[in-house]
C-alpha atoms as a PDB file:
ATOM      1  CA  UNK A   1       1.459  38.708 -34.097  1.00  0.00           C
ATOM      2  CA  UNK A   2       1.333  35.490 -32.087  1.00  0.00           C
ATOM      3  CA  UNK A   3      -0.595  35.695 -28.824  1.00  0.00           C
ATOM      4  CA  UNK A   4      -0.364  32.861 -26.344  1.00  0.00           C
ATOM      5  CA  UNK A   5      -3.076  32.260 -23.790  1.00  0.00           C
ATOM      6  CA  UNK A   6      -2.070  30.695 -20.516  1.00  0.00           C
ATOM      7  CA  UNK A   7      -3.955  27.585 -19.479  1.00  0.00           C
ATOM      8  CA  UNK A   8      -5.288  26.216 -16.214  1.00  0.00           C
ATOM      9  CA  UNK A   9      -4.275  22.553 -16.194  1.00  0.00           C
ATOM     10  CA  UNK A  10      -5.175  19.759 -13.764  1.00  0.00           C
ATOM     11  CA  UNK A  11      -3.079  16.592 -13.701  1.00  0.00           C
ATOM     12  CA  UNK A  12      -3.885  13.432 -11.745  1.00  0.00           C
ATOM     13  CA  UNK A  13      -0.927  11.274 -10.768  1.00  0.00           C
ATOM     14  CA  UNK A  14      -1.177   7.600  -9.806  1.00  0.00           C
ATOM     15  CA  UNK A  15      -1.042   7.049  -6.021  1.00  0.00           C
ATOM     16  CA  UNK A  16       1.850   4.592  -6.046  1.00  0.00           C
ATOM     17  CA  UNK A  17       4.783   6.998  -5.529  1.00  0.00           C
ATOM     18  CA  UNK A  18       5.226  10.622  -4.471  1.00  0.00           C
ATOM     19  CA  UNK A  19       6.133  13.269  -7.043  1.00  0.00           C
ATOM     20  CA  UNK A  20       8.850  13.259  -8.128  1.00  0.00           C
ATOM     21  CA  UNK A  21       9.597   9.662  -7.205  1.00  0.00           C
ATOM     22  CA  UNK A  22      12.924   8.804  -5.587  1.00  0.00           C
ATOM     23  CA  UNK A  23      15.018   6.240  -7.494  1.00  0.00           C
ATOM     24  CA  UNK A  24      12.130   5.445  -9.825  1.00  0.00           C
ATOM     25  CA  UNK A  25      11.037   6.720 -13.216  1.00  0.00           C
ATOM     26  CA  UNK A  26       7.655   5.811 -14.571  1.00  0.00           C
ATOM     27  CA  UNK A  27       4.491   7.825 -14.882  1.00  0.00           C
ATOM     28  CA  UNK A  28       5.090   9.767 -11.671  1.00  0.00           C
ATOM     29  CA  UNK A  29       8.403  11.102 -13.007  1.00  0.00           C
ATOM     30  CA  UNK A  30       6.750  12.122 -16.283  1.00  0.00           C
ATOM     31  CA  UNK A  31       3.914  13.895 -14.442  1.00  0.00           C
ATOM     32  CA  UNK A  32       6.404  15.769 -12.221  1.00  0.00           C
ATOM     33  CA  UNK A  33       8.595  16.860 -15.153  1.00  0.00           C
ATOM     34  CA  UNK A  34       5.620  17.901 -17.278  1.00  0.00           C
ATOM     35  CA  UNK A  35       4.018  19.847 -14.416  1.00  0.00           C
ATOM     36  CA  UNK A  36       7.256  21.753 -13.735  1.00  0.00           C
ATOM     37  CA  UNK A  37       7.779  22.493 -17.437  1.00  0.00           C
ATOM     38  CA  UNK A  38       4.239  23.823 -17.842  1.00  0.00           C
ATOM     39  CA  UNK A  39       4.649  26.046 -14.761  1.00  0.00           C
ATOM     40  CA  UNK A  40       7.972  27.308 -16.152  1.00  0.00           C
ATOM     41  CA  UNK A  41       6.248  28.638 -19.285  1.00  0.00           C
ATOM     42  CA  UNK A  42       3.560  30.349 -17.230  1.00  0.00           C
ATOM     43  CA  UNK A  43       0.614  27.957 -17.124  1.00  0.00           C
ATOM     44  CA  UNK A  44      -1.300  27.432 -13.857  1.00  0.00           C
ATOM     45  CA  UNK A  45      -0.951  23.737 -13.026  1.00  0.00           C
ATOM     46  CA  UNK A  46      -2.580  21.773 -10.220  1.00  0.00           C
ATOM     47  CA  UNK A  47      -1.439  18.213  -9.522  1.00  0.00           C
ATOM     48  CA  UNK A  48      -3.593  15.753  -7.586  1.00  0.00           C
ATOM     49  CA  UNK A  49      -1.581  12.910  -6.132  1.00  0.00           C
ATOM     50  CA  UNK A  50      -0.188  11.073  -3.127  1.00  0.00           C
ATOM     51  CA  UNK A  51       1.972  12.386  -0.320  1.00  0.00           C
ATOM     52  CA  UNK A  52       3.453  15.870  -0.172  1.00  0.00           C
ATOM     53  CA  UNK A  53       4.123  18.577  -2.800  1.00  0.00           C
ATOM     54  CA  UNK A  54       7.236  17.865  -4.853  1.00  0.00           C
ATOM     55  CA  UNK A  55       6.803  20.045  -7.937  1.00  0.00           C
ATOM     56  CA  UNK A  56       6.393  23.762  -8.617  1.00  0.00           C
ATOM     57  CA  UNK A  57       2.712  23.176  -9.418  1.00  0.00           C
ATOM     58  CA  UNK A  58      -0.071  23.601  -6.882  1.00  0.00           C
ATOM     59  CA  UNK A  59      -0.668  20.282  -5.148  1.00  0.00           C
ATOM     60  CA  UNK A  60      -3.824  18.683  -3.798  1.00  0.00           C
ATOM     61  CA  UNK A  61      -3.207  15.469  -1.845  1.00  0.00           C
ATOM     62  CA  UNK A  62      -5.902  12.924  -2.609  1.00  0.00           C
ATOM     63  CA  UNK A  63      -4.053  10.161  -0.771  1.00  0.00           C
ATOM     64  CA  UNK A  64      -2.236  10.918   2.497  1.00  0.00           C
ATOM     65  CA  UNK A  65       0.669   8.594   1.667  1.00  0.00           C
ATOM     66  CA  UNK A  66       1.937   6.929  -1.475  1.00  0.00           C
ATOM     67  CA  UNK A  67       0.678   3.378  -1.998  1.00  0.00           C
ATOM     68  CA  UNK A  68       3.479   1.317  -3.588  1.00  0.00           C
ATOM     69  CA  UNK A  69       1.991  -1.902  -2.193  1.00  0.00           C
ATOM     70  CA  UNK A  70      -1.135  -1.281  -4.312  1.00  0.00           C
ATOM     71  CA  UNK A  71       0.619  -1.509  -7.704  1.00  0.00           C
ATOM     72  CA  UNK A  72      -1.382  -3.797  -9.956  1.00  0.00           C
ATOM     73  CA  UNK A  73      -4.633  -3.290  -8.066  1.00  0.00           C
ATOM     74  CA  UNK A  74      -7.537  -0.966  -8.785  1.00  0.00           C
ATOM     75  CA  UNK A  75      -7.262   2.498  -7.245  1.00  0.00           C
ATOM     76  CA  UNK A  76      -8.453   2.664  -3.638  1.00  0.00           C
END
């Protein structure tokens, strides 16, 4: 019989846009969709990113606001 263990997963999103981003795809959209999908199947997911919670995963803000003006520069 197949037994599935649930995982504890941490995901770090780039600081450029909040999750999920509005009118933008990119990495932030992929992180948001993946986090929600993993939560939906029962995994415990924590996302570290910019702004406010926008997914069903636990959220830890590591930047107070998104930083779209920093695209192309090293992380602050």
